[in-house]
Protein backbone atom coordinates (compact mmCIF):
# COMPACT_ATOMS: atom_id res chain seq x y z
CA THR A 1 105.86 80.17 148.59
CA ARG A 2 108.23 79.57 151.34
CA PRO A 3 107.47 76.96 154.28
CA CYS A 4 105.96 78.28 157.56
CA PHE A 5 107.59 77.30 160.46
CA PRO A 6 106.12 79.16 163.41
CA HIS A 7 108.06 76.94 165.87
CA PRO A 8 111.59 75.94 166.03
CA PRO A 9 112.16 73.22 163.27
CA PRO A 10 112.74 69.70 164.63
CA PRO A 11 116.46 68.29 164.94
CA LYS A 12 117.82 67.44 161.64
CA SER A 13 119.14 64.09 162.57
CA SER A 14 116.68 62.03 164.75
CA GLY A 15 117.55 58.39 163.40
CA ARG A 16 114.19 58.13 162.14
CA VAL A 17 112.37 59.91 159.29
CA GLY A 18 109.83 62.03 160.47
CA VAL A 19 107.43 65.19 159.06
CA GLY A 20 110.25 66.86 156.39
CA VAL A 21 113.31 65.50 158.92
CA GLY A 22 115.85 63.02 158.16
CA VAL A 23 117.39 61.45 155.12
CA GLY A 24 115.66 62.39 151.68
CA ALA A 25 112.95 64.43 153.52
CA GLY A 26 114.08 67.81 153.23
CA VAL A 27 111.75 70.39 152.46
CA GLY A 28 112.18 70.24 148.74
CA ALA A 29 111.74 66.32 148.89
CA ALA A 30 108.83 66.43 151.00
CA SER A 31 107.35 69.16 148.70
CA ARG A 32 107.36 66.85 145.73
CA GLY A 33 105.53 64.50 147.85
CA GLY A 34 105.31 61.59 145.35
CA ALA A 35 107.98 58.82 144.50
CA ILE A 36 110.16 59.88 147.87
CA SER A 37 107.39 59.85 150.21
CA ARG A 38 106.18 56.29 148.84
CA ALA A 39 109.64 55.08 148.81
CA VAL A 40 110.50 56.20 152.11
CA ALA A 41 106.97 55.05 153.53
CA ALA A 42 107.35 51.45 151.83
CA ARG A 43 110.46 51.18 153.71
CA GLY A 44 108.51 51.12 156.94
CA PHE A 45 109.59 54.81 158.07
CA ALA A 46 107.32 57.10 159.33
CA HIS A 47 104.83 59.15 157.13
CA VAL A 48 106.69 61.98 155.12
CA SER A 49 104.45 64.90 153.98
CA ALA A 50 104.91 68.35 152.45
CA PRO A 51 105.22 71.05 155.01
CA ALA A 52 102.10 72.70 156.49
CA HIS A 53 100.95 75.78 156.10
CA HIS A 54 99.14 76.72 159.30
CA GLY A 55 96.69 79.55 158.76
CA HIS A 56 98.41 82.04 160.21
CA GLY A 57 98.72 84.41 157.45
CA HIS A 58 102.52 84.12 157.05
CA GLY A 59 103.47 82.16 154.18
CA ALA A 60 99.75 80.59 153.70
CA ASP A 61 98.75 80.44 150.03
CA ALA A 62 96.11 82.32 149.35
CA ASP A 63 94.63 80.05 146.52
CA VAL A 64 94.60 76.94 149.16
CA GLU A 65 90.97 75.75 149.36
CA ARG A 66 89.38 76.28 152.83
CA ILE A 67 86.56 74.80 155.06
CA THR A 68 84.94 76.18 158.11
CA VAL A 69 85.67 74.24 161.12
CA THR A 70 84.16 74.80 164.64
CA PHE A 71 86.39 73.53 167.44
CA ILE A 72 84.42 73.14 170.94
CA GLU A 73 87.12 73.47 173.30
CA LYS A 74 87.56 72.00 176.83
CA ASP A 75 86.22 74.64 178.35
CA GLY A 76 83.00 74.76 176.38
CA SER A 77 84.15 77.84 174.11
CA GLU A 78 83.84 77.34 170.50
CA THR A 79 86.63 78.61 167.87
CA VAL A 80 85.73 79.08 164.16
CA VAL A 81 88.46 78.41 161.86
CA GLN A 82 89.10 77.94 158.25
CA ALA A 83 90.68 75.07 157.34
CA PRO A 84 92.92 74.33 154.10
CA VAL A 85 91.36 71.22 152.16
CA GLY A 86 94.02 68.50 152.66
CA GLN A 87 95.27 69.16 156.24
CA SER A 88 94.23 67.30 159.28
CA MET A 89 92.41 68.63 162.19
CA LEU A 90 95.29 68.16 164.57
CA GLU A 91 97.74 70.53 162.06
CA VAL A 92 94.57 72.81 161.99
CA ALA A 93 94.17 72.91 165.53
CA HIS A 94 97.99 73.43 166.08
CA GLY A 95 98.00 75.93 163.57
CA ASN A 96 95.04 77.89 165.41
CA ASP A 97 96.60 77.64 168.52
CA ILE A 98 93.85 75.28 169.67
CA GLU A 99 94.75 73.03 172.66
CA LEU A 100 94.74 69.20 171.09
CA GLU A 101 97.78 67.48 172.36
CA GLY A 102 98.94 65.00 169.71
CA ALA A 103 101.95 63.64 171.36
CA CYS A 104 102.61 61.35 168.85
CA GLU A 105 102.73 64.08 166.40
CA GLY A 106 100.14 62.19 163.95
CA SER A 107 102.12 59.11 163.90
CA LEU A 108 99.18 56.68 165.16
CA ALA A 109 100.98 56.03 168.24
CA CYS A 110 98.71 57.44 171.05
CA SER A 111 95.16 58.90 171.29
CA THR A 112 96.06 62.33 172.79
CA CYS A 113 94.48 63.85 169.29
CA HIS A 114 91.04 62.65 170.14
CA VAL A 115 88.48 64.33 168.90
CA ILE A 116 84.31 64.19 169.00
CA ILE A 117 82.51 64.68 165.53
CA GLN A 118 79.65 66.42 166.59
CA ASP A 119 77.08 65.75 163.74
CA GLN A 120 76.85 61.68 162.85
CA ALA A 121 76.03 62.75 159.28
CA VAL A 122 79.36 64.31 158.98
CA TYR A 123 80.89 61.57 160.99
CA ASP A 124 79.18 59.15 158.20
CA LEU A 125 80.90 61.26 155.49
CA LEU A 126 84.75 60.50 156.84
CA PRO A 127 86.56 57.46 155.51
CA GLU A 128 86.06 54.62 158.12
CA PRO A 129 88.63 54.73 160.50
CA ASP A 130 91.22 51.64 159.99
CA ASP A 131 92.64 48.99 162.66
CA ASP A 132 95.46 51.12 163.64
CA GLU A 133 93.42 54.18 164.38
CA ASN A 134 90.62 52.15 166.30
CA ASP A 135 93.28 50.42 168.62
CA MET A 136 94.40 53.97 169.61
CA LEU A 137 90.92 54.83 170.06
CA ASP A 138 90.53 52.07 172.40
CA LEU A 139 92.81 54.27 174.50
CA ALA A 140 91.25 57.69 174.51
CA PHE A 141 89.51 59.18 177.26
CA GLY A 142 85.68 60.01 176.84
CA LEU A 143 85.43 57.91 173.97
CA ARG A 144 81.74 58.15 172.11
CA GLU A 145 80.34 56.69 168.86
CA THR A 146 81.62 59.65 166.73
CA SER A 147 85.39 59.62 168.10
CA ARG A 148 87.97 59.98 165.92
CA LEU A 149 91.76 60.81 165.77
CA GLY A 150 92.21 64.43 164.81
CA CYS A 151 95.22 62.96 162.89
CA GLN A 152 93.11 61.03 160.65
CA VAL A 153 90.51 63.38 159.96
CA ILE A 154 91.39 65.45 156.72
CA ALA A 155 89.28 68.60 155.52
CA ALA A 156 87.71 67.97 152.70
CA LYS A 157 84.75 70.05 150.90
CA ASP A 158 82.14 67.77 151.59
CA VAL A 159 82.55 68.15 155.39
CA ASP A 160 82.62 71.91 155.50
CA GLY A 161 81.12 73.37 158.56
CA MET A 162 82.23 70.56 160.68
CA VAL A 163 81.94 70.78 164.37
CA VAL A 164 84.67 68.77 166.51
CA ALA A 165 84.62 68.62 170.31
CA LEU A 166 88.00 67.99 172.35
CA PRO A 167 87.25 65.49 175.08
CA LYS A 168 87.85 67.13 178.78
CA ALA A 169 90.76 65.22 179.03
CA THR A 170 93.37 63.13 177.44
CA ARG A 171 95.41 59.86 178.40
CA ASN A 172 99.30 60.70 177.89
CA PHE A 173 101.12 57.99 179.24
CA ALA A 174 104.43 59.39 178.61
CA VAL A 175 104.14 62.38 180.78
CA ASP A 176 101.36 62.87 183.22
CA GLY A 177 100.24 66.87 183.42
CA PHE A 178 102.59 67.55 180.02
CA VAL A 179 101.22 69.58 177.45
CA PRO A 180 103.47 69.74 174.35
CA LYS A 181 103.99 72.88 172.13
CA PRO A 182 102.48 72.71 168.77
CA HIS A 183 105.12 72.27 166.20
């Protein structure tokens, strides 16, 4: 399967390692995951992951297990999507043209991918948020008991049918009113 690039790929040399970018993190290296990803992460660089298939149908692996996720968008409309198991809700939202910001691209440096899990029982099935996520959630607009960062909520079989709501606003300290394009 070839990588899915629905949007222009990021610059090849940014000085820091990002998703599939930089020294040792090309598409082949990231696809292998394992040793290279762990080695890069151990050096304190940003998280490296395999290229995501965004659910647009081009390049997506038909054998990937999927779950149903319903997004309640800012205007109250509901969008039901099939999310590949292992993908974050931020990736799923971007792959389905749902307006979930993610200004830091999932690096736990902002709260703009804040989502609200609508069912306490589903929220309880998710792994506990770590200190870094809780620190970012403290900055989130409209925080609720079942708030999480979309970049940290991973599609899994036990949360099939999950419903997540997008808050009415976000706090993006970088540029007021700027809405980045999904990657």
